[in-house]
Amino acid sequence: MNDKAEKPAARLAGVTSFGLDDSDYIAPPPREVRDKAKAGGELLGFQSDKPAQPEAPVVPKKRARQPSQYPDHYNLRLREGDRERLDDYAYRHRMAKGEVFGLMLDLLEKDERRKASEHE
């Protein structure tokens, strides 16, 4: 004895009647036959509402590359403590690290000119 309910019969494509028996089932024709019939109909002037092939996905146009704001790249090898000092200074003053580096160069050049004027 089995209490399980039986699964309902699967729906069939191309069923021609709504009766419960499957004797009226007509299988759909193969894709080759359908494509041939569609091509023949188009030759007679019948146009399909659906496109023949799905349209290719639209590829977005690439934007023009903007010139780099920082065209020069420079790699420095810093000691761990110096790196932390630079990062902390930039954070405290809310400056970019490149700006801090430029400021350091300005101060070094100013100090160099001061020392050169003292020796003269």
Protein backbone atom coordinates (compact mmCIF):
# COMPACT_ATOMS: atom_id res chain seq x y z
CA MET A 1 0.00 0.00 0.00
CA ASN A 2 1.38 3.37 -1.04
CA ASP A 3 0.05 6.70 0.23
CA LYS A 4 2.12 8.82 -2.17
CA ALA A 5 0.22 10.75 -4.77
CA GLU A 6 1.21 10.06 -8.35
CA LYS A 7 2.93 12.81 -10.30
CA PRO A 8 0.73 14.44 -12.91
CA ALA A 9 1.63 13.63 -16.49
CA ALA A 10 4.06 16.05 -18.09
CA ARG A 11 2.58 18.57 -20.49
CA LEU A 12 3.42 17.82 -24.07
CA ALA A 13 4.27 20.40 -26.68
CA GLY A 14 1.95 20.30 -29.67
CA VAL A 15 -1.07 18.77 -27.91
CA THR A 16 -4.09 19.25 -30.14
CA SER A 17 -6.88 18.46 -27.69
CA PHE A 18 -7.62 19.13 -24.08
CA GLY A 19 -8.74 15.60 -23.30
CA LEU A 20 -7.00 13.41 -20.80
CA ASP A 21 -5.80 10.84 -23.30
CA ASP A 22 -2.53 11.31 -25.24
CA SER A 23 -3.82 9.74 -28.45
CA ASP A 24 -4.11 13.13 -30.20
CA TYR A 25 -0.50 14.13 -29.51
CA ILE A 26 1.34 15.46 -32.54
CA ALA A 27 5.07 15.90 -32.03
CA PRO A 28 6.52 19.22 -33.23
CA PRO A 29 8.66 18.92 -36.36
CA PRO A 30 12.44 18.99 -36.04
CA ARG A 31 14.27 22.34 -36.19
CA GLU A 32 15.54 21.69 -39.76
CA VAL A 33 11.99 21.23 -41.04
CA ARG A 34 10.80 24.37 -39.22
CA ASP A 35 13.72 26.45 -40.57
CA LYS A 36 13.06 25.20 -44.11
CA ALA A 37 9.35 26.06 -43.81
CA LYS A 38 10.17 29.50 -42.44
CA ALA A 39 12.58 30.19 -45.32
CA GLY A 40 9.94 29.05 -47.83
CA GLY A 41 7.36 31.32 -46.25
CA GLU A 42 9.73 34.28 -46.42
CA LEU A 43 10.25 33.61 -50.13
CA LEU A 44 6.49 33.87 -50.56
CA GLY A 45 6.46 37.22 -48.74
CA PHE A 46 5.54 36.19 -45.20
CA GLN A 47 7.78 37.97 -42.72
CA SER A 48 8.26 36.73 -39.18
CA ASP A 49 7.52 39.01 -36.26
CA LYS A 50 10.52 37.58 -34.44
CA PRO A 51 14.05 38.34 -35.66
CA ALA A 52 15.82 35.44 -37.37
CA GLN A 53 18.73 35.52 -34.94
CA PRO A 54 19.00 37.30 -31.65
CA GLU A 55 20.71 40.62 -32.07
CA ALA A 56 24.31 40.76 -30.99
CA PRO A 57 24.71 42.38 -27.60
CA VAL A 58 25.58 46.03 -27.87
CA VAL A 59 29.18 46.57 -26.88
CA PRO A 60 29.53 49.89 -25.08
CA LYS A 61 31.95 52.28 -26.69
CA LYS A 62 35.15 52.71 -24.80
CA ARG A 63 35.66 56.17 -23.45
CA ALA A 64 38.63 58.12 -24.66
CA ARG A 65 41.49 57.65 -22.28
CA GLN A 66 42.05 60.72 -20.18
CA PRO A 67 45.61 61.95 -19.83
CA SER A 68 47.08 60.99 -16.50
CA GLN A 69 47.05 63.62 -13.80
CA TYR A 70 50.35 62.19 -12.59
CA PRO A 71 52.34 61.27 -15.72
CA ASP A 72 55.54 60.35 -13.85
CA HIS A 73 55.79 57.35 -11.60
CA TYR A 74 58.59 57.03 -9.13
CA ASN A 75 59.29 54.14 -6.79
CA LEU A 76 61.11 54.75 -3.54
CA ARG A 77 62.56 52.30 -1.11
CA LEU A 78 61.85 53.56 2.38
CA ARG A 79 62.62 52.18 5.76
CA GLU A 80 59.58 51.07 7.71
CA GLY A 81 59.73 53.96 10.16
CA ASP A 82 60.10 56.54 7.39
CA ARG A 83 57.18 55.12 5.51
CA GLU A 84 54.99 55.36 8.60
CA ARG A 85 56.10 58.94 9.24
CA LEU A 86 55.24 59.95 5.68
CA ASP A 87 51.83 58.26 5.87
CA ASP A 88 51.07 59.83 9.27
CA TYR A 89 52.06 63.31 8.10
CA ALA A 90 49.93 63.01 4.97
CA TYR A 91 46.99 61.79 7.04
CA ARG A 92 47.30 64.49 9.70
CA HIS A 93 47.41 67.30 7.15
CA ARG A 94 44.91 65.67 4.77
CA MET A 95 47.35 65.82 1.87
CA ALA A 96 48.13 63.39 -0.88
CA LYS A 97 51.44 61.60 -0.45
CA GLY A 98 52.67 63.13 -3.70
CA GLU A 99 52.01 66.60 -2.32
CA VAL A 100 53.91 65.75 0.85
CA PHE A 101 56.80 64.51 -1.26
CA GLY A 102 56.78 67.76 -3.28
CA LEU A 103 56.71 69.77 -0.05
CA MET A 104 59.72 67.84 1.25
CA LEU A 105 61.64 68.61 -1.95
CA ASP A 106 60.75 72.31 -1.67
CA LEU A 107 61.98 72.41 1.94
CA LEU A 108 65.20 70.56 1.06
CA GLU A 109 65.95 72.99 -1.78
CA LYS A 110 65.21 75.96 0.48
CA ASP A 111 67.56 74.55 3.14
CA GLU A 112 70.21 73.91 0.50
CA ARG A 113 70.02 77.54 -0.73
CA ARG A 114 70.21 78.79 2.88
CA LYS A 115 73.33 76.72 3.56
CA ALA A 116 74.90 77.87 0.27
CA SER A 117 74.30 81.54 1.16
CA GLU A 118 75.85 81.06 4.64
CA HIS A 119 79.06 79.64 3.18
CA GLU A 120 79.58 82.56 0.83
